[in-house]
Amino acid sequence: MDPAYRTEALFAKEARPCESAAEMNAQSSSSAEKPKRSPLVVIFLTVFIDLVGFGIIIPTSPFIAREFGASATELGLLMSIYSFFQFLFSPFWGSISDRIGRRPTILISLLGCAASYLLFAFSQSLTLLFVARGLAGLFGGNISTAHAYIGDVTPPHERSKGMGMIGAAFGLGFIFGPILGYVLGVVGQKLGSAPPFGLSFSALGVALLCLINFTFAWFFLKESLPPEKRGRAHDRPKRLRAIFQQLRRPIAGPLMFVYFFSGLAMSQMEPMLVPYIQDELDLGLKTATYGFAYIGVIMVITQGYLIRKWMPRLGEPKILVGGLLLFAVGLFLIAASKTLFILGIAMTLFAFGNGLLRPPNLGIISLSTPPEEQGVSMGVTNSLASLGRIIGPALGGFLYERMSHEAPFLAAGFVSVIGLAIVLLCYRRLPSTGLHVPAGQQVEEKVHERA
């Protein structure tokens, strides 16, 4: 049992001496378990269901867009518009969650996402597809709010492991999402060819998942931000000032840029991977679907298990450096892959690196941010990642068409090296909770004083 809860139970015992030992143990266990575990399980399931929907739409949307005559450039822009609106509105949702609470913000975003996927399913033109994806990006603030939720309910020494739960939800979403999307697409083609049937039928499945997620969160997701902490958000500066204020933080600011570079590298790779395996390895959609699911399996292993085992021993900085190294090597090796075997090795290294770098990156940012600004901090961080995902698809498509098929992956590898250089430059100042709990708490206090 955590010492804080043990002390709390002791005070309770002194206040009510006639209370039985059994009652004391039950109350102590309840007070310790509910705040620490139940909210994490609920937020994990909320994010997981959301990411299953995301995993469904990503592999199928290029094929749906091509049915409306989308070019390679338009395909990249369709991916970019989601991130563009997410970039614009993530700080807004983060600030809103600091003001009104995490729970209503997540519920609003889930309803908005359901509406966007319904529009996508019924779209009969490329223009409507763009509107639907833009709307999805506008309401895509639930992930940054979930990160802030983790920051609310976890102590400093468990912050990065809590962020790893979000990463595990991402991984599980990428396991089940693409496969479910493939199945829904096949079913939709048997039902008809015009939207919302055909491949568009998969978007109907995503809308249904969002509504199920909304219902689940409505009944089980509890508020994590106390009213007394919400009050401080009313005096927060305007959004652009808040962004620059967060970026000027001595530790969190550089780590936000690292998150930006990793998002930029990832988004250069993602849209060009399917054309690459088609053009260079002559592989089809089914293989690509299994490939995304394989990446998801590795993300679950790294962020759901390895992070929890390694974080107490190694700490955030070492795991972040190792993750960036594997991430960069995997990207460089993709460019050299001319056989499925070599590509499998490259994707394994890439997926392990991606799984390892995100939880400590977000954990250090959270540790370096005051409790009342967790929402806006995570909003700014995810906005920078969205900015990378705005630039990445267009840049990757340009490099693929104008230079070479290997160029997007080489450029992504170099971008990852830039992120690694930033981490190494400020390595000694990075907080680490990998030694023991009091040290982690002291590090957080020092970071907040310095910020």
Protein backbone atom coordinates (compact mmCIF):
# COMPACT_ATOMS: atom_id res chain seq x y z
CA MET A 1 0.00 0.00 0.00
CA ASP A 2 1.19 3.50 -0.74
CA PRO A 3 2.58 5.27 2.41
CA ALA A 4 0.27 8.25 1.86
CA TYR A 5 -2.79 6.06 1.99
CA ARG A 6 -1.44 4.12 4.98
CA THR A 7 -1.00 7.41 6.88
CA GLU A 8 -4.47 8.52 5.85
CA ALA A 9 -5.94 5.29 7.19
CA LEU A 10 -4.04 5.76 10.47
CA PHE A 11 -5.53 9.22 10.98
CA ALA A 12 -8.97 7.81 10.24
CA LYS A 13 -8.44 5.16 12.88
CA GLU A 14 -7.53 7.76 15.48
CA ALA A 15 -10.63 9.78 14.64
CA ARG A 16 -12.94 6.74 15.04
CA PRO A 17 -11.41 4.41 17.63
CA CYS A 18 -14.52 2.25 17.86
CA GLU A 19 -14.33 1.31 14.19
CA SER A 20 -13.55 -2.34 13.53
CA ALA A 21 -10.32 -3.49 11.93
CA ALA A 22 -12.24 -5.07 9.07
CA GLU A 23 -13.99 -1.79 8.31
CA MET A 24 -10.68 0.05 8.49
CA ASN A 25 -9.04 -2.34 6.05
CA ALA A 26 -11.96 -2.14 3.65
CA GLN A 27 -11.99 1.66 3.67
CA SER A 28 -8.22 1.89 3.39
CA SER A 29 -8.20 -0.55 0.48
CA SER A 30 -11.03 1.32 -1.21
CA SER A 31 -9.35 4.71 -0.84
CA ALA A 32 -6.10 3.35 -2.17
CA GLU A 33 -7.41 1.35 -5.08
CA LYS A 34 -10.07 3.64 -6.53
CA PRO A 35 -8.02 6.75 -7.24
CA LYS A 36 -4.98 4.85 -8.42
CA ARG A 37 -6.34 2.05 -10.57
CA SER A 38 -10.01 2.37 -11.52
CA PRO A 39 -9.63 5.69 -13.39
CA LEU A 40 -6.65 4.32 -15.34
CA VAL A 41 -8.61 1.27 -16.44
CA VAL A 42 -11.57 3.38 -17.57
CA ILE A 43 -9.45 5.92 -19.44
CA PHE A 44 -7.51 3.05 -21.04
CA LEU A 45 -10.71 1.48 -22.35
CA THR A 46 -11.98 4.87 -23.53
CA VAL A 47 -8.81 5.53 -25.52
CA PHE A 48 -8.66 1.94 -26.76
CA ILE A 49 -12.16 2.05 -28.27
CA ASP A 50 -11.35 5.42 -29.84
CA LEU A 51 -8.10 4.10 -31.33
CA VAL A 52 -9.79 1.01 -32.74
CA GLY A 53 -11.91 3.42 -34.75
CA PHE A 54 -8.82 5.36 -35.80
CA GLY A 55 -7.12 2.09 -36.80
CA ILE A 56 -10.12 1.19 -38.95
CA ILE A 57 -10.20 4.43 -40.92
CA ILE A 58 -6.48 4.96 -41.62
CA PRO A 59 -5.84 1.92 -43.88
CA THR A 60 -9.19 2.16 -45.70
CA SER A 61 -9.42 5.93 -46.30
CA PRO A 62 -6.81 5.97 -49.12
CA PHE A 63 -8.81 3.40 -51.07
CA ILE A 64 -12.09 5.27 -50.47
CA ALA A 65 -10.48 8.52 -51.64
CA ARG A 66 -9.12 6.87 -54.79
CA GLU A 67 -12.64 5.75 -55.68
CA PHE A 68 -13.43 9.48 -55.98
CA GLY A 69 -10.38 10.06 -58.17
CA ALA A 70 -7.93 11.39 -55.56
CA SER A 71 -4.36 11.87 -56.73
CA ALA A 72 -1.34 11.05 -54.59
CA THR A 73 -1.05 14.70 -53.57
CA GLU A 74 -4.74 14.88 -52.64
CA LEU A 75 -4.36 11.65 -50.69
CA GLY A 76 -1.57 13.23 -48.65
CA LEU A 77 -3.63 16.37 -48.10
CA LEU A 78 -6.58 14.26 -46.92
CA MET A 79 -4.31 12.90 -44.20
CA SER A 80 -2.92 16.35 -43.46
CA ILE A 81 -6.27 18.13 -43.01
CA TYR A 82 -7.14 15.96 -40.01
CA SER A 83 -3.86 16.88 -38.33
CA PHE A 84 -4.25 20.54 -39.35
CA PHE A 85 -7.52 20.92 -37.47
CA GLN A 86 -6.20 18.84 -34.59
CA PHE A 87 -3.22 21.19 -34.41
CA LEU A 88 -5.52 24.22 -34.28
CA PHE A 89 -7.88 22.87 -31.66
CA SER A 90 -5.81 20.60 -29.34
CA PRO A 91 -4.69 23.54 -27.12
CA PHE A 92 -8.30 24.74 -27.09
CA TRP A 93 -9.57 21.37 -25.84
CA GLY A 94 -6.70 21.18 -23.37
CA SER A 95 -7.59 24.60 -21.94
CA ILE A 96 -11.29 23.70 -21.87
CA SER A 97 -10.50 20.51 -19.96
CA ASP A 98 -8.49 22.56 -17.42
CA ARG A 99 -11.50 24.84 -17.01
CA ILE A 100 -14.57 22.57 -17.04
CA GLY A 101 -12.94 19.20 -16.33
CA ARG A 102 -11.65 16.20 -18.29
CA ARG A 103 -14.87 14.18 -18.38
CA PRO A 104 -17.15 16.64 -20.25
CA THR A 105 -14.34 17.45 -22.71
CA ILE A 106 -13.88 13.77 -23.59
CA LEU A 107 -17.65 13.26 -23.93
CA ILE A 108 -18.01 16.25 -26.29
CA SER A 109 -15.10 15.08 -28.45
CA LEU A 110 -16.52 11.56 -28.73
CA LEU A 111 -19.89 12.86 -29.97
CA GLY A 112 -18.17 15.13 -32.47
CA CYS A 113 -16.02 12.27 -33.77
CA ALA A 114 -19.11 10.09 -34.23
CA ALA A 115 -20.72 12.84 -36.35
CA SER A 116 -17.57 13.23 -38.47
CA TYR A 117 -17.38 9.51 -39.25
CA LEU A 118 -21.07 9.42 -40.17
CA LEU A 119 -20.42 12.23 -42.65
CA PHE A 120 -17.41 10.34 -43.99
CA ALA A 121 -19.48 7.18 -44.50
CA PHE A 122 -22.21 9.01 -46.44
CA SER A 123 -19.84 11.24 -48.46
CA GLN A 124 -20.23 10.96 -52.21
CA SER A 125 -17.50 13.39 -53.22
CA LEU A 126 -13.87 14.08 -52.40
CA THR A 127 -14.84 17.49 -51.02
CA LEU A 128 -17.13 15.94 -48.40
CA LEU A 129 -14.37 13.51 -47.43
CA PHE A 130 -12.13 16.51 -46.72
CA VAL A 131 -14.88 18.17 -44.66
CA ALA A 132 -15.43 14.98 -42.67
CA ARG A 133 -11.74 14.51 -41.88
CA GLY A 134 -11.41 18.17 -40.92
CA LEU A 135 -14.35 17.78 -38.53
CA ALA A 136 -12.73 14.67 -37.04
CA GLY A 137 -9.56 16.66 -36.41
CA LEU A 138 -11.52 19.49 -34.80
CA PHE A 139 -13.05 17.10 -32.27
CA GLY A 140 -9.88 15.06 -31.87
CA GLY A 141 -9.01 16.56 -28.50
CA ASN A 142 -9.77 13.48 -26.45
CA ILE A 143 -6.24 12.04 -26.65
CA SER A 144 -4.54 15.13 -25.22
CA THR A 145 -7.26 15.29 -22.57
CA ALA A 146 -6.62 11.63 -21.76
CA HIS A 147 -2.93 12.45 -21.29
CA ALA A 148 -3.92 15.23 -18.89
CA TYR A 149 -6.25 12.79 -17.10
CA ILE A 150 -3.27 10.46 -16.56
CA GLY A 151 -1.33 13.40 -15.15
CA ASP A 152 -4.18 14.08 -12.71
CA VAL A 153 -4.52 10.58 -11.27
CA THR A 154 -0.93 9.28 -11.17
CA PRO A 155 1.84 10.22 -8.72
CA PRO A 156 5.12 11.50 -10.21
CA HIS A 157 6.94 8.16 -10.03
CA GLU A 158 4.16 6.44 -12.02
CA ARG A 159 3.51 9.23 -14.55
CA SER A 160 5.47 7.73 -17.47
CA LYS A 161 4.02 4.27 -16.84
CA GLY A 162 0.57 5.84 -16.95
CA MET A 163 1.43 7.44 -20.29
CA GLY A 164 2.51 3.97 -21.40
CA MET A 165 -1.06 2.76 -20.87
CA ILE A 166 -2.20 5.27 -23.48
CA GLY A 167 0.49 3.95 -25.80
CA ALA A 168 -0.69 0.39 -25.19
CA ALA A 169 -4.21 1.49 -26.12
CA PHE A 170 -2.73 2.92 -29.34
CA GLY A 171 -1.07 -0.41 -30.04
CA LEU A 172 -4.20 -2.46 -29.40
CA GLY A 173 -6.14 -0.07 -31.61
CA PHE A 174 -3.68 -0.72 -34.42
CA ILE A 175 -4.00 -4.47 -33.90
CA PHE A 176 -7.77 -4.71 -34.03
CA GLY A 177 -8.59 -1.58 -36.05
CA PRO A 178 -7.05 -2.45 -39.44
CA ILE A 179 -8.30 -6.03 -39.30
CA LEU A 180 -11.81 -4.93 -38.33
CA GLY A 181 -11.71 -2.25 -41.05
CA TYR A 182 -10.75 -4.87 -43.62
CA VAL A 183 -13.64 -7.12 -42.52
CA LEU A 184 -16.14 -4.24 -42.54
CA GLY A 185 -14.96 -3.22 -46.01
CA VAL A 186 -15.55 -6.73 -47.33
CA VAL A 187 -19.02 -6.82 -45.72
CA GLY A 188 -19.81 -3.37 -47.12
CA GLN A 189 -18.86 -4.43 -50.64
CA LYS A 190 -21.26 -7.35 -50.38
CA LEU A 191 -24.07 -5.03 -49.28
CA GLY A 192 -23.56 -2.56 -52.12
CA SER A 193 -21.14 -0.23 -53.85
CA ALA A 194 -22.51 3.28 -53.19
CA PRO A 195 -21.85 5.05 -49.86
CA PRO A 196 -22.45 4.23 -47.07
CA PHE A 197 -21.76 0.74 -48.38
CA GLY A 198 -18.67 -0.50 -50.15
CA LEU A 199 -15.47 0.45 -48.34
CA SER A 200 -17.31 3.43 -46.80
CA PHE A 201 -19.15 0.94 -44.62
CA SER A 202 -16.06 0.80 -42.39
CA ALA A 203 -16.65 4.46 -41.41
CA LEU A 204 -20.13 3.51 -40.19
CA GLY A 205 -18.46 0.99 -37.92
CA VAL A 206 -16.21 3.74 -36.54
CA ALA A 207 -19.22 6.00 -35.85
CA LEU A 208 -20.89 3.17 -33.96
CA LEU A 209 -17.72 2.60 -31.91
CA CYS A 210 -17.62 6.30 -31.01
CA LEU A 211 -21.22 6.14 -29.78
CA ILE A 212 -20.45 2.99 -27.76
CA ASN A 213 -17.41 4.77 -26.35
CA PHE A 214 -19.53 7.80 -25.44
CA THR A 215 -22.02 5.57 -23.60
CA PHE A 216 -19.24 3.76 -21.76
CA ALA A 217 -17.54 7.01 -20.72
CA TRP A 218 -20.86 8.57 -19.68
CA PHE A 219 -21.48 5.82 -17.13
CA PHE A 220 -17.98 4.91 -15.98
CA LEU A 221 -15.57 7.81 -16.57
CA LYS A 222 -15.22 9.90 -13.41
CA GLU A 223 -13.90 13.44 -13.26
CA SER A 224 -10.19 13.66 -12.36
CA LEU A 225 -9.71 17.42 -11.95
CA PRO A 226 -11.00 18.85 -8.63
CA PRO A 227 -13.04 22.09 -8.83
CA GLU A 228 -10.43 24.02 -6.83
CA LYS A 229 -7.80 23.33 -9.51
CA ARG A 230 -10.16 24.19 -12.36
CA GLY A 231 -10.57 27.71 -11.04
CA ARG A 232 -6.98 28.63 -11.87
CA ALA A 233 -7.59 28.11 -15.58
CA HIS A 234 -9.81 31.22 -15.81
CA ASP A 235 -6.78 33.48 -15.57
CA ARG A 236 -4.83 31.67 -18.28
CA PRO A 237 -3.48 33.81 -21.15
CA LYS A 238 -4.66 33.55 -24.73
CA ARG A 239 -3.95 30.37 -26.66
CA LEU A 240 -0.95 31.57 -28.70
CA ARG A 241 0.61 33.11 -25.61
CA ALA A 242 -0.02 29.85 -23.76
CA ILE A 243 1.76 27.89 -26.52
CA PHE A 244 4.84 30.11 -26.37
CA GLN A 245 4.72 30.06 -22.59
CA GLN A 246 4.84 26.27 -22.59
CA LEU A 247 7.60 26.15 -25.21
CA ARG A 248 9.77 28.48 -23.09
CA ARG A 249 9.84 26.04 -20.21
CA PRO A 250 13.48 24.95 -19.75
CA ILE A 251 12.80 21.19 -19.87
CA ALA A 252 9.27 20.69 -21.16
CA GLY A 253 9.82 23.03 -24.15
CA PRO A 254 12.70 21.11 -25.77
CA LEU A 255 10.93 17.79 -25.12
CA MET A 256 7.82 19.13 -26.89
CA PHE A 257 9.98 19.74 -29.95
CA VAL A 258 11.28 16.17 -29.69
CA TYR A 259 7.65 15.01 -29.76
CA PHE A 260 7.14 17.21 -32.83
CA PHE A 261 10.09 15.65 -34.67
CA SER A 262 8.97 12.11 -33.86
CA GLY A 263 5.47 12.96 -35.17
CA LEU A 264 6.99 14.49 -38.32
CA ALA A 265 9.11 11.39 -38.94
CA MET A 266 6.19 9.04 -38.32
CA SER A 267 3.88 10.93 -40.67
CA GLN A 268 6.45 10.91 -43.49
CA MET A 269 6.67 7.15 -43.19
CA GLU A 270 3.00 6.19 -42.77
CA PRO A 271 1.40 7.38 -46.04
CA MET A 272 4.31 6.21 -48.17
CA LEU A 273 4.70 2.74 -46.66
CA VAL A 274 1.83 1.18 -48.63
CA PRO A 275 2.98 2.63 -52.00
CA TYR A 276 6.52 1.54 -51.16
CA ILE A 277 5.64 -2.09 -50.51
CA GLN A 278 3.45 -2.10 -53.61
CA ASP A 279 6.06 -0.55 -55.90
CA GLU A 280 9.21 -2.15 -54.49
CA LEU A 281 7.99 -5.47 -53.05
CA ASP A 282 4.80 -6.05 -55.09
CA LEU A 283 2.66 -6.64 -51.98
CA GLY A 284 -1.05 -5.89 -51.58
CA LEU A 285 -3.60 -4.54 -49.09
CA LYS A 286 -3.90 -7.71 -47.02
CA THR A 287 -0.16 -7.73 -46.32
CA ALA A 288 -0.26 -4.04 -45.42
CA THR A 289 -3.16 -4.72 -43.03
CA TYR A 290 -1.21 -7.46 -41.27
CA GLY A 291 1.78 -5.13 -41.17
CA PHE A 292 -0.14 -2.45 -39.26
CA ALA A 293 -1.44 -5.10 -36.87
CA TYR A 294 2.13 -6.33 -36.31
CA ILE A 295 3.22 -2.79 -35.40
CA GLY A 296 0.31 -2.67 -32.97
CA VAL A 297 1.42 -5.91 -31.29
CA ILE A 298 4.91 -4.52 -30.72
CA MET A 299 3.50 -1.24 -29.35
CA VAL A 300 1.40 -3.20 -26.86
CA ILE A 301 4.43 -5.21 -25.74
CA THR A 302 6.67 -2.17 -25.35
CA GLN A 303 4.21 0.31 -23.86
CA GLY A 304 2.00 -2.13 -21.99
CA TYR A 305 4.74 -4.34 -20.49
CA LEU A 306 8.37 -3.36 -21.14
CA ILE A 307 7.91 0.29 -20.13
CA ARG A 308 6.46 -0.80 -16.80
CA LYS A 309 9.37 -3.19 -16.20
CA TRP A 310 12.20 -0.94 -17.38
CA MET A 311 11.08 2.46 -16.13
CA PRO A 312 11.81 1.83 -12.41
CA ARG A 313 15.28 0.51 -13.29
CA LEU A 314 16.40 2.83 -16.06
CA GLY A 315 14.35 6.01 -15.78
CA GLU A 316 12.83 8.17 -18.50
CA PRO A 317 15.99 9.69 -20.07
CA LYS A 318 17.71 6.39 -20.89
CA ILE A 319 14.58 4.81 -22.32
CA LEU A 320 13.90 7.93 -24.41
CA VAL A 321 17.41 7.85 -25.90
CA GLY A 322 17.16 4.12 -26.66
CA GLY A 323 13.75 4.55 -28.26
CA LEU A 324 14.93 7.37 -30.53
CA LEU A 325 17.95 5.30 -31.61
CA LEU A 326 15.83 2.28 -32.57
CA PHE A 327 13.27 4.57 -34.22
CA ALA A 328 15.91 6.22 -36.44
CA VAL A 329 17.70 2.96 -37.32
CA GLY A 330 14.40 1.35 -38.29
CA LEU A 331 13.55 4.23 -40.64
CA PHE A 332 16.95 4.12 -42.33
CA LEU A 333 16.63 0.35 -42.74
CA ILE A 334 13.18 0.67 -44.36
CA ALA A 335 14.83 2.67 -47.13
CA ALA A 336 17.26 -0.23 -47.69
CA SER A 337 14.56 -2.93 -47.66
CA LYS A 338 14.24 -4.80 -50.93
CA THR A 339 12.88 -8.03 -49.46
CA LEU A 340 10.02 -8.76 -47.06
CA PHE A 341 12.48 -10.23 -44.54
CA ILE A 342 14.58 -7.05 -44.34
CA LEU A 343 11.42 -4.94 -44.19
CA GLY A 344 10.19 -7.07 -41.30
CA ILE A 345 13.41 -6.40 -39.36
CA ALA A 346 13.19 -2.68 -40.15
CA MET A 347 9.56 -2.43 -39.03
CA THR A 348 10.35 -4.35 -35.83
CA LEU A 349 13.11 -1.90 -34.88
CA PHE A 350 10.96 1.06 -35.88
CA ALA A 351 7.94 -0.17 -33.89
CA PHE A 352 10.00 -0.92 -30.78
CA GLY A 353 11.61 2.52 -30.98
CA ASN A 354 8.27 4.25 -31.47
CA GLY A 355 6.79 2.33 -28.56
CA LEU A 356 9.67 3.17 -26.23
CA LEU A 357 10.13 6.87 -26.97
CA ARG A 358 6.61 8.23 -26.49
CA PRO A 359 5.79 7.36 -22.82
CA PRO A 360 9.04 8.79 -21.36
CA ASN A 361 8.79 11.82 -23.66
CA LEU A 362 5.27 12.60 -22.46
CA GLY A 363 6.16 11.62 -18.90
CA ILE A 364 9.04 14.10 -18.68
CA ILE A 365 6.86 16.85 -20.13
CA SER A 366 4.16 16.09 -17.57
CA LEU A 367 6.66 15.99 -14.69
CA SER A 368 7.99 19.37 -15.80
CA THR A 369 4.56 21.04 -15.83
CA PRO A 370 2.57 22.37 -12.84
CA PRO A 371 -0.51 20.28 -11.96
CA GLU A 372 -3.01 23.00 -12.90
CA GLU A 373 -1.53 23.26 -16.44
CA GLN A 374 -1.45 19.56 -17.36
CA GLY A 375 -4.30 19.99 -19.85
CA VAL A 376 -2.83 22.92 -21.77
CA SER A 377 0.65 21.33 -21.66
CA MET A 378 -0.60 18.09 -23.21
CA GLY A 379 -2.69 20.11 -25.66
CA VAL A 380 0.36 22.06 -26.86
CA THR A 381 2.42 18.86 -27.05
CA ASN A 382 -0.19 17.09 -29.16
CA SER A 383 -0.60 20.23 -31.28
CA LEU A 384 3.10 20.11 -32.15
CA ALA A 385 2.77 16.44 -33.03
CA SER A 386 -0.21 17.35 -35.20
CA LEU A 387 1.87 20.05 -36.88
CA GLY A 388 4.40 17.37 -37.73
CA ARG A 389 1.60 15.24 -39.15
CA ILE A 390 0.44 18.21 -41.25
CA ILE A 391 3.86 18.67 -42.85
CA GLY A 392 4.87 15.00 -42.97
CA PRO A 393 2.40 13.47 -45.46
CA ALA A 394 2.83 16.30 -47.99
CA LEU A 395 6.61 16.23 -47.63
CA GLY A 396 6.72 12.43 -47.83
CA GLY A 397 4.58 12.41 -50.98
CA PHE A 398 6.72 15.10 -52.62
CA LEU A 399 9.95 13.24 -51.85
CA TYR A 400 8.48 9.93 -53.02
CA GLU A 401 7.33 11.33 -56.37
CA ARG A 402 10.09 13.85 -57.13
CA MET A 403 13.21 12.23 -55.66
CA SER A 404 13.05 8.50 -54.96
CA HIS A 405 10.95 5.89 -53.23
CA GLU A 406 13.53 5.70 -50.44
CA ALA A 407 13.73 9.46 -49.84
CA PRO A 408 10.78 9.80 -47.38
CA PHE A 409 12.24 7.18 -45.05
CA LEU A 410 15.75 8.63 -45.20
CA ALA A 411 14.40 12.10 -44.44
CA ALA A 412 12.35 10.72 -41.54
CA GLY A 413 15.47 9.04 -40.17
CA PHE A 414 17.40 12.33 -40.22
CA VAL A 415 14.50 14.12 -38.50
CA SER A 416 14.64 11.48 -35.75
CA VAL A 417 18.37 12.12 -35.33
CA ILE A 418 17.59 15.81 -34.73
CA GLY A 419 15.21 14.81 -31.94
CA LEU A 420 17.88 12.55 -30.45
CA ALA A 421 20.40 15.42 -30.51
CA ILE A 422 17.98 17.65 -28.56
CA VAL A 423 17.56 14.99 -25.88
CA LEU A 424 21.31 14.49 -25.56
CA LEU A 425 21.93 18.23 -25.25
CA CYS A 426 19.62 18.55 -22.23
CA TYR A 427 20.10 14.98 -20.95
CA ARG A 428 21.60 15.91 -17.57
CA ARG A 429 18.69 18.20 -16.71
CA LEU A 430 15.96 15.69 -17.50
CA PRO A 431 13.93 14.47 -14.49
CA SER A 432 13.95 10.74 -13.85
CA THR A 433 11.65 8.75 -11.60
CA GLY A 434 13.57 5.53 -12.16
CA LEU A 435 15.47 5.45 -8.88
CA HIS A 436 12.91 5.64 -6.09
CA VAL A 437 9.75 7.53 -5.26
CA PRO A 438 11.02 10.35 -3.05
CA ALA A 439 13.74 11.21 -5.57
CA GLY A 440 11.16 11.44 -8.32
CA GLN A 441 9.01 13.73 -6.22
CA GLN A 442 12.00 15.92 -5.40
CA VAL A 443 12.94 16.12 -9.07
CA GLU A 444 9.42 17.23 -9.95
CA GLU A 445 9.49 19.94 -7.30
CA LYS A 446 12.84 21.24 -8.55
CA VAL A 447 11.63 21.24 -12.14
CA HIS A 448 8.51 23.21 -11.20
CA GLU A 449 10.59 25.73 -9.26
CA ARG A 450 12.94 26.16 -12.22
CA ALA A 451 10.01 26.45 -14.66
